[in-house]
Protein backbone atom coordinates (compact mmCIF):
# COMPACT_ATOMS: atom_id res chain seq x y z
CA UNK A 1 -26.77 25.69 4.24
CA UNK A 2 -29.27 24.30 1.72
CA UNK A 3 -29.94 26.70 -1.18
CA UNK A 4 -32.43 26.52 -4.05
CA UNK A 5 -31.58 28.59 -7.14
CA UNK A 6 -34.57 29.44 -9.36
CA UNK A 7 -33.05 31.02 -12.48
CA UNK A 8 -34.05 30.57 -16.13
CA UNK A 9 -30.62 31.52 -17.50
CA UNK A 10 -29.11 28.04 -17.32
CA UNK A 11 -25.47 29.11 -17.63
CA UNK A 12 -25.90 31.62 -14.82
CA UNK A 13 -27.72 29.07 -12.67
CA UNK A 14 -24.91 26.54 -13.13
CA UNK A 15 -22.27 29.18 -12.41
CA UNK A 16 -24.03 30.12 -9.17
CA UNK A 17 -24.41 26.45 -8.23
CA UNK A 18 -20.74 25.59 -8.82
CA UNK A 19 -19.52 28.73 -7.08
CA UNK A 20 -21.70 28.23 -4.00
CA UNK A 21 -20.81 24.54 -3.77
CA UNK A 22 -17.14 25.55 -3.73
CA UNK A 23 -18.03 27.73 -0.73
CA UNK A 24 -19.59 24.76 1.07
CA UNK A 25 -23.28 25.33 0.24
CA UNK A 26 -25.63 22.49 -0.77
CA UNK A 27 -27.33 23.74 -3.95
CA UNK A 28 -30.25 22.64 -6.14
CA UNK A 29 -31.33 24.47 -9.31
CA UNK A 30 -34.56 24.73 -11.33
CA UNK A 31 -35.30 26.96 -14.31
CA UNK A 32 -38.91 28.14 -14.09
CA UNK A 33 -41.29 29.58 -11.54
CA UNK A 34 -43.68 26.63 -11.23
CA UNK A 35 -40.82 24.17 -10.71
CA UNK A 36 -39.28 26.53 -8.17
CA UNK A 37 -42.52 26.79 -6.23
CA UNK A 38 -42.97 23.01 -6.25
CA UNK A 39 -39.39 22.30 -5.16
CA UNK A 40 -39.39 24.93 -2.41
CA UNK A 41 -42.72 23.57 -1.15
CA UNK A 42 -41.75 19.88 -1.20
CA UNK A 43 -38.29 20.26 0.31
CA UNK A 44 -36.73 22.25 3.11
CA UNK A 45 -34.28 25.01 2.12
CA UNK A 46 -32.52 27.63 4.20
CA UNK A 47 -32.41 30.15 1.33
CA UNK A 48 -34.11 30.47 -2.06
CA UNK A 49 -32.31 32.58 -4.69
CA UNK A 50 -35.20 33.66 -6.87
CA UNK A 51 -35.01 35.44 -10.22
CA UNK A 52 -37.88 37.86 -10.86
CA UNK A 53 -38.28 37.35 -14.62
CA UNK A 54 -39.17 33.63 -14.79
CA UNK A 55 -41.25 31.63 -17.27
CA UNK A 56 -44.47 30.09 -15.99
CA UNK A 57 -44.71 32.10 -12.79
CA UNK A 58 -42.69 35.22 -12.05
CA UNK A 59 -40.53 35.57 -8.98
CA UNK A 60 -42.89 37.96 -7.21
CA UNK A 61 -45.73 35.44 -7.39
CA UNK A 62 -43.50 32.53 -6.35
CA UNK A 63 -42.32 34.52 -3.34
CA UNK A 64 -45.86 35.56 -2.38
CA UNK A 65 -47.15 31.98 -2.61
CA UNK A 66 -44.30 30.60 -0.52
CA UNK A 67 -44.98 33.15 2.21
CA UNK A 68 -48.73 32.46 2.02
CA UNK A 69 -47.95 28.75 2.50
CA UNK A 70 -45.96 29.55 5.65
CA UNK A 71 -42.43 29.15 4.28
CA UNK A 72 -39.83 30.87 6.42
CA UNK A 73 -36.89 30.21 4.10
CA UNK A 74 -34.72 33.20 3.39
CA UNK A 75 -35.53 34.63 -0.06
CA UNK A 76 -33.00 36.61 -2.09
CA UNK A 77 -34.47 38.08 -5.29
CA UNK A 78 -32.38 38.52 -8.45
CA UNK A 79 -33.44 40.98 -11.12
CA UNK A 80 -32.02 42.40 -14.31
CA UNK A 81 -34.09 45.49 -13.71
CA UNK A 82 -33.00 48.65 -11.92
CA UNK A 83 -35.03 51.01 -9.83
CA UNK A 84 -36.65 51.43 -6.49
CA UNK A 85 -40.06 50.07 -7.58
CA UNK A 86 -38.69 46.59 -8.34
CA UNK A 87 -36.76 46.49 -5.09
CA UNK A 88 -39.80 47.66 -3.14
CA UNK A 89 -42.08 45.08 -4.78
CA UNK A 90 -39.61 42.30 -4.00
CA UNK A 91 -39.60 43.24 -0.33
CA UNK A 92 -43.36 43.78 -0.24
CA UNK A 93 -44.04 40.26 -1.51
CA UNK A 94 -41.94 38.77 1.29
CA UNK A 95 -38.34 38.71 0.06
CA UNK A 96 -35.61 39.25 2.64
CA UNK A 97 -33.09 40.84 0.27
CA UNK A 98 -32.48 41.63 -3.41
CA UNK A 99 -29.54 41.82 -5.78
CA UNK A 100 -29.53 43.41 -9.26
CA UNK A 101 -27.81 41.77 -12.24
CA UNK A 102 -25.03 41.86 -13.09
CA UNK A 103 -23.71 41.22 -9.61
CA UNK A 104 -20.43 40.30 -7.98
CA UNK A 105 -20.23 36.69 -6.80
CA UNK A 106 -18.35 37.89 -3.72
CA UNK A 107 -21.29 40.17 -2.89
CA UNK A 108 -23.77 37.31 -3.48
CA UNK A 109 -21.92 35.06 -1.00
CA UNK A 110 -21.72 37.90 1.53
CA UNK A 111 -25.48 38.55 1.20
CA UNK A 112 -26.25 34.83 1.64
CA UNK A 113 -24.10 34.57 4.75
CA UNK A 114 -25.73 37.67 6.23
CA UNK A 115 -29.15 36.23 5.39
CA UNK A 116 -28.19 32.94 7.04
CA UNK A 117 -27.31 34.79 10.22
CA UNK A 118 -30.71 36.49 10.21
CA UNK A 119 -32.46 33.18 9.56
CA UNK A 120 -30.64 31.66 12.52
CA UNK A 121 -32.15 34.28 14.81
CA UNK A 122 -35.72 33.66 13.63
CA UNK A 123 -38.36 31.72 15.51
CA UNK A 124 -38.22 27.90 15.13
CA UNK A 125 -39.29 26.76 11.70
CA UNK A 126 -41.63 24.24 10.11
CA UNK A 127 -39.68 21.67 8.09
CA UNK A 128 -41.58 20.04 5.23
CA UNK A 129 -39.84 16.86 4.07
CA UNK A 130 -42.17 15.29 1.55
CA UNK A 131 -45.21 14.22 3.59
CA UNK A 132 -43.23 14.38 6.84
CA UNK A 133 -43.74 17.70 8.62
CA UNK A 134 -41.75 18.73 11.69
CA UNK A 135 -43.07 21.92 13.29
CA UNK A 136 -40.51 23.29 15.75
CA UNK A 137 -42.80 26.04 17.06
CA UNK A 138 -45.79 23.78 17.74
CA UNK A 139 -43.54 20.84 18.72
CA UNK A 140 -45.55 18.53 16.48
CA UNK A 141 -44.78 15.91 13.86
CA UNK A 142 -47.11 14.52 11.19
CA UNK A 143 -46.74 12.05 8.34
CA UNK A 144 -49.26 12.43 5.54
CA UNK A 145 -51.42 14.47 7.91
CA UNK A 146 -51.36 11.76 10.60
CA UNK A 147 -50.12 13.08 13.99
CA UNK A 148 -47.17 11.17 15.44
CA UNK A 149 -46.68 11.16 19.21
CA UNK A 150 -43.04 11.70 20.20
CA UNK A 151 -41.36 12.11 23.54
CA UNK A 152 -39.67 15.51 24.10
CA UNK A 153 -36.24 13.95 23.54
CA UNK A 154 -37.32 12.08 20.41
CA UNK A 155 -38.75 15.30 19.00
CA UNK A 156 -35.54 17.19 19.79
CA UNK A 157 -33.48 14.59 17.90
CA UNK A 158 -35.85 14.65 14.92
CA UNK A 159 -35.98 18.46 14.91
CA UNK A 160 -32.19 18.71 14.80
CA UNK A 161 -32.00 16.21 11.93
CA UNK A 162 -34.78 18.06 10.09
CA UNK A 163 -32.79 21.30 10.30
CA UNK A 164 -29.91 19.46 8.63
CA UNK A 165 -32.06 17.40 6.22
CA UNK A 166 -30.01 15.70 3.54
CA UNK A 167 -26.80 15.97 5.57
CA UNK A 168 -24.98 13.33 7.62
CA UNK A 169 -25.13 14.29 11.30
CA UNK A 170 -22.80 12.58 13.76
CA UNK A 171 -23.87 10.99 17.03
CA UNK A 172 -21.56 13.38 18.86
CA UNK A 173 -23.26 16.41 17.33
CA UNK A 174 -26.69 15.07 18.26
CA UNK A 175 -25.53 14.46 21.83
CA UNK A 176 -24.12 17.98 22.10
CA UNK A 177 -27.24 19.61 20.64
CA UNK A 178 -29.94 17.55 22.37
CA UNK A 179 -28.44 16.30 25.61
CA UNK A 180 -26.34 17.81 28.35
CA UNK A 181 -23.09 16.15 27.33
CA UNK A 182 -21.92 16.11 30.93
CA UNK A 183 -24.96 14.06 31.95
CA UNK A 184 -25.44 11.80 28.91
CA UNK A 185 -22.32 11.07 26.93
CA UNK A 186 -23.00 7.54 25.69
CA UNK A 187 -23.52 7.45 21.90
CA UNK A 188 -25.75 4.40 22.44
CA UNK A 189 -28.31 6.83 23.84
CA UNK A 190 -28.60 8.33 20.37
CA UNK A 191 -29.01 4.89 18.77
CA UNK A 192 -31.89 4.08 21.11
CA UNK A 193 -33.73 7.27 20.17
CA UNK A 194 -33.04 6.81 16.45
CA UNK A 195 -34.53 3.31 16.63
CA UNK A 196 -37.59 4.68 18.44
CA UNK A 197 -38.02 7.39 15.80
CA UNK A 198 -37.85 4.84 12.97
CA UNK A 199 -40.59 2.80 14.64
CA UNK A 200 -42.79 5.90 14.74
CA UNK A 201 -42.07 7.99 11.61
CA UNK A 202 -41.03 5.31 9.12
CA UNK A 203 -42.08 1.70 9.81
CA UNK A 204 -45.86 2.24 10.15
CA UNK A 205 -45.86 4.16 6.86
CA UNK A 206 -43.58 1.86 4.89
CA UNK A 207 -41.00 4.64 4.58
CA UNK A 208 -37.25 4.97 5.23
CA UNK A 209 -36.54 8.65 5.84
CA UNK A 210 -34.08 8.09 8.67
CA UNK A 211 -30.91 6.61 7.22
CA UNK A 212 -27.71 5.38 8.86
CA UNK A 213 -24.60 6.77 7.17
CA UNK A 214 -21.82 4.30 7.95
CA UNK A 215 -18.97 5.95 9.79
CA UNK A 216 -20.68 9.37 9.76
CA UNK A 217 -23.96 9.20 11.71
CA UNK A 218 -27.51 9.67 10.49
CA UNK A 219 -29.30 11.45 7.67
CA UNK A 220 -32.94 12.50 7.38
CA UNK A 221 -33.95 12.34 3.71
CA UNK A 222 -35.19 15.76 2.45
CA UNK A 223 -38.01 14.11 0.48
CA UNK A 224 -39.30 12.26 3.55
CA UNK A 225 -38.03 8.87 2.42
């Protein structure tokens, strides 16, 4: 799970990052609201851990702007404040959950895992990878605003890689997720579709988002290449 931590207390942000990475999460950190908004807009994250009291732009406004922009990332708000009004405002601006400081790291991990389960049950998402946009609901792909025509199978491969952006995904996993393994079990089938995707989403635009990871599979760059 890809997580963005937006927290101005640098020691706390690093502690959260190191702890979550030990639990298997992929974590980025920024320390102010404007940077958090930019990072969450430019890259695709499963969950954003968002402090409320941030320099530049407070957490409420970051959350509201992300929702207004169509982000469906899970948002967990952190606050040093107590009281029902802060919790209510966090939820009203679009947050999925909240946690008051100081908090137990065990509870934080439990909340994130519960949030991940809820995210998994949501409608298909819109992945924004730099200027490459993969919209699972509309079944469309654009690069810099230019529509890219994909076959249903090509889109399914790209969509799966977009959901795992930044991670190496094996040919076997792609086969299991996109094809009926009983009907199509040749890994070369994946290679053919990867080559076709590169000719459509990368080559005409002088980009290299779709990378081969030797011995591991393929990776779609989270910044769009």
